[in-house]
Amino acid sequence: MYESVLEAHEKSKELEKLSKDLTKEIQILSKEKEAVEKQRTEAIRKRAKLDLDYKDLQEKMSTNIKAKDDAQKQLMILEREVQETKNALNDIKPLHEKQVKEEEDITRGIMDREKRLSILYQKQGRATQFASKAARDKWLQKEIDEYERVLSSTLMQEKKLQDEIDQLKKDMRDQDDIIKVRKVEVDKKETFISGYRNAYNQYKVDRDKLHDERKSLWTQETELTTEIERLKAEVVKAEKSLDHATPGDIRRGLNSVRRICREYEISGVFGPIFELLECEDKFFTAVEVTAGNSLFHVVVDNDETSTKIIRHLNAQKGGRVTFIPLNRVKKPHVNYPQGSDVIPLLKKLRFSDSYCRAFEQVFARTVICRNLDVATRVARTDGLDCITLEGDQVSKKGGMTGGFYDHRRSKLRFMSTIKQNTVSINLKERELEEVRYKLQDIDQKINELVAEQQKNDAGLGHDKSELEQLKQDILNAERQKQSILKALQKKEKLLGNILNQIDQLRASIAMKQDEMGTELVDHLTPEERDSLSRLNPEITTLKEQLIACRANRIETETRKEELEMNLSTNLERRKQELMAMNSSVDVDMLQAEVESKYQELKDADALVDHVTKELTRVSRNIDERNKRLKQIKQEKDNLKALEDKYQNTLQDEARELEQMLSKRNIYLAKQEEYSKKIRELGPLSSDAFETYKRRNVKELYKMLHKCNEQLQQFSHVNKKALDQYVNFTEQREELQRRQAELDAGDEKIKELISVLDMRKDESIERTFKGVAKHFREVFSQLVQGGHGFLVMMKKKDGEEDDNDPDDDEPRADAEGRVEKYIGVKVKVSFTGQGETQSMKQLSGGQKTVVALALIFAIQRCDPAPFYLFDEIDAALDPQYRTAVGNMVRDLADRGSTQFITTTFRPELVKVADKIYSVSHKNRVSKVTVVSREGALDFIEQDQSHN
């Protein structure tokens, strides 16, 4: 039940985490939903506007088509009327011309007869009018002059009128030329307009094709966006799981390392181990168990890089990180066993060759075994750490670890998910970028196509406007031509009258000229009288005919003028208006606009559908997450109820357990009491329990009472004597056995102590001899001409003895006791002459030389990784400082030992590999690397200053 409670608690924590993640996803999706709803609202508004525009255009096109059809019908009717009117006019014109000519002939006949009659009357009355022939001729000449003056004026009018007629005819020809040129231009414009319309149709086909491609790309974009969001969500989930699976300090440290490298632009940081390796899923458990927290070790190029980062980490308290500098890692030498049951773990890992040494350090000494038996054998025989695919470990030292491993918290699995999804995201994003690039390209092509279409529409509109203007120019030219024609007809009619007038004037002048010089008579000749009597009736008859002819002419002329007026002012004008209406109503262009608007409406519908699908998808995701959230809440409530139930059950069981423990204590006390009583009874026979086992308590009490009464008779006897004797006998045997064991152990311990003393003394002697030998060599190198040696101080039976340094074996007494050591004495001579001196007799500088010689001797005997010296040359003379510097240089060159020392003397600086200067300013110490020349200059300045 405790496991159930713990499992319920863990599951509750996981559900709580999942609930928080889902809540965050719901918040993100809600924001996305708001944006999509806003896009959908805008798209619906745009679609509604386009729908209204489309309906308006459809209605307009229907109206225009109906108007064009009506105009076409009216035009057909009108053309029929025009044709009928023209036919009637063509029929009436010859009659009118005939009547005009007849009227002119009658008028001319009347005028001629009246003129002749007037001449006859004048001639008849000349005798009474004039007194003489000369007077008559004078008057005639005067009349002739007057006629000639009028004739001259009339001739001038005739010439002027003829010029005007010629000009009108020229204007007529000009208008014909204008009409001809305009008609040619109209044909060109109509050809252009036809080309524009063909281009528009091609634009429409291309645009529809691009719209289809864009819809397909929109679908791809939506699918890719959804897939990328899903992959990113899985990456975020895996990263969170990886963070939870990573220890807190290490997680903070890794995050701090990334931030520090980014802020300070530190290069040479390759990342933690688990980010640099790849392997098959079945090896995840083995790799994680083998590496442990080494998975989070960060690989860097060298120790300088790690030092920089650690400095920043310490300053910022950014967590804990372990670095693996590649320049400090050495390749381990491992001999792997051969066999199909064993394989090196390192061979199953994939990583860059540049990180080989780092991975060898972590995984080189571990092999994968088929099972624990093989792992145990390999660890024992080959001295390697072994692991199975299930994560069970066998250490080369003999330890075994294993058990259940939760694969759900596998860090490598999380990292694999992150890497795979990151690769997929990059691929999908590249595909999405390509799709969006194609969309931009298609949008650009559509915009270019729209621009070309607009340019085409502008050209079409311009040519249509020019076509209308050309047609209007032709119409104006036609009107101008008609006006000129009317004026020409009037001028020609007037010219005819003037010519008649000229002829009459010339006839009058001729008659006057003929009469001049004739005899002045007072009577007419018979012929003239006969002519006079005949002219009056003829004039009367002609006047009657003129009246009838004029009436017919007026009637015909009125009908003709009515027809012409109706044709010019009504029918032709109406026809032109209807033709202009037909030409102005461009159904094809309007149809193109309708189709364009319909395409825009389809695009808007597609956009609305696209955004609606997006909204549906987001809403469905939100609903699914809300549903999952409710399920999680229900599961949490159920787990809470179950946990409460388990808690109550555990509390009840705890109370019951407490009661049972109390009863147990009571029973144990009673058991102790009854055991005590049994012991007080003394020894019992072996069958006592079986004899009285089946008897009840009441019967036993009766038997006990009877037995107690019998025992009263033996109250003076020690009833425990036999029991005590048996107990004491058993105790004596136990003590004798223990004494024998202790005696044997004492012998073994004494033997072990003796052996250990011997080994200890041998080790001391061996170490002492090695150190003494190296001391003699080092001292002779440090002190030219001097010598020194070490003396072991021993004590035997309370006496001190200086052992000779050349004695190779330790001495022992007759009983084999090893002599005890009490110290080491140093005897040196700095001159090589005279007696040796002990430490008490040396100066401070000499003691420093002896101490350094001893340290260097120990170093040669048992080298350490590094030594730290603090101003060891402060009390030394120059020759000793030089010797110490050379000694340090020689020891550093021999092995991998490092020497770190502080000094204010030039001798150690001259032999150092790297020199650091420590300065102190504003309570802050600063360490910087300086050159050897700079360090020597600083020491020289310091010495001169001191």
Foldseek 3Di string as FASTA:
>chain_A
DVVLLVVLVVVLVVLVVVLVLLVVVLVVLVVVLVVLVVLLVVLVVVLVVLVVVLVVLVVVLVVLVVLLVVLVVVLVVLVVVLVVLVVVLVVLVVVLVVLVVVLVVLVVLLVVLVVLLVVLVCLLCVVVVDVFQVVLLVVLVVVLVVLVVVLVVLVVVLVVLVVLLVVLVVLLVVLVVLLVVLVVLLVVLVVLLVVLLVVLVVLLVVLVVLLVVLLVLLVLLVVLVVLLVVLVSLLVVLVVLLCVLADDLLSLLQVLLVVCCVVVVQDFWDAFQLLFKDFDPLQLLVVCLQQPCSSRATEGQAVVSVVVSVVVCVVVVRGDHHYDHPVPFDQDDADDDDDPFKDQPVVRMDGDPSCVRVVCVRGVQEIEGCDVVVQQVCLAPRVGWYAYSQNWIAHVVGDTDDDHDDPVSRSSVSSVSNVVSVVVSVVSVVVSVVSVVVSVVSVVVNVVSVVVSVVSVVSSVVSLVVSLVSVVSSVVSVVVSVVSVVVSVVSVVVSVVSVVVSVVSVVSSVVSVVCRPDGRDNRDDVVSVVSNVVSVVSSVVSVVVSVVSVVVSVVSVVVSVVSVCCSPVPSVVSSVVSVSSSSVSDSSVSVSVSVVSVVVSVSSVSSSVSSVVVSVVSVVSSVVSVVVSVVSVVSSVVSVVVSVVVVVVVVVVVVVVVVVVVVVVVVVVVVVVVVVVVVVQEDDDPCPCVVCVPPDPVVVVVVVVVVVVVCVVVPVDDSHPVVVVVVVVVVVVVVVVVVVVVVVVVVVVVVVVLVVVVVVVLVVLVLQLQLQVQLQVLLCLLQPLKGKGKWWWWADPRDIDTDDSVDRDFDADPVRDGIGTDGMWMWMDNNNDDGTDTPVPDDPQVNLSSVLSSVLSVCVVPNDQEEEEEASPVPHDPSSLLSSLVSQLVVVVVDNYYYHYDHLDLNNLVSDPWDWDWDADPNDIDIDTDDSVVSVVVSVVVVVVD
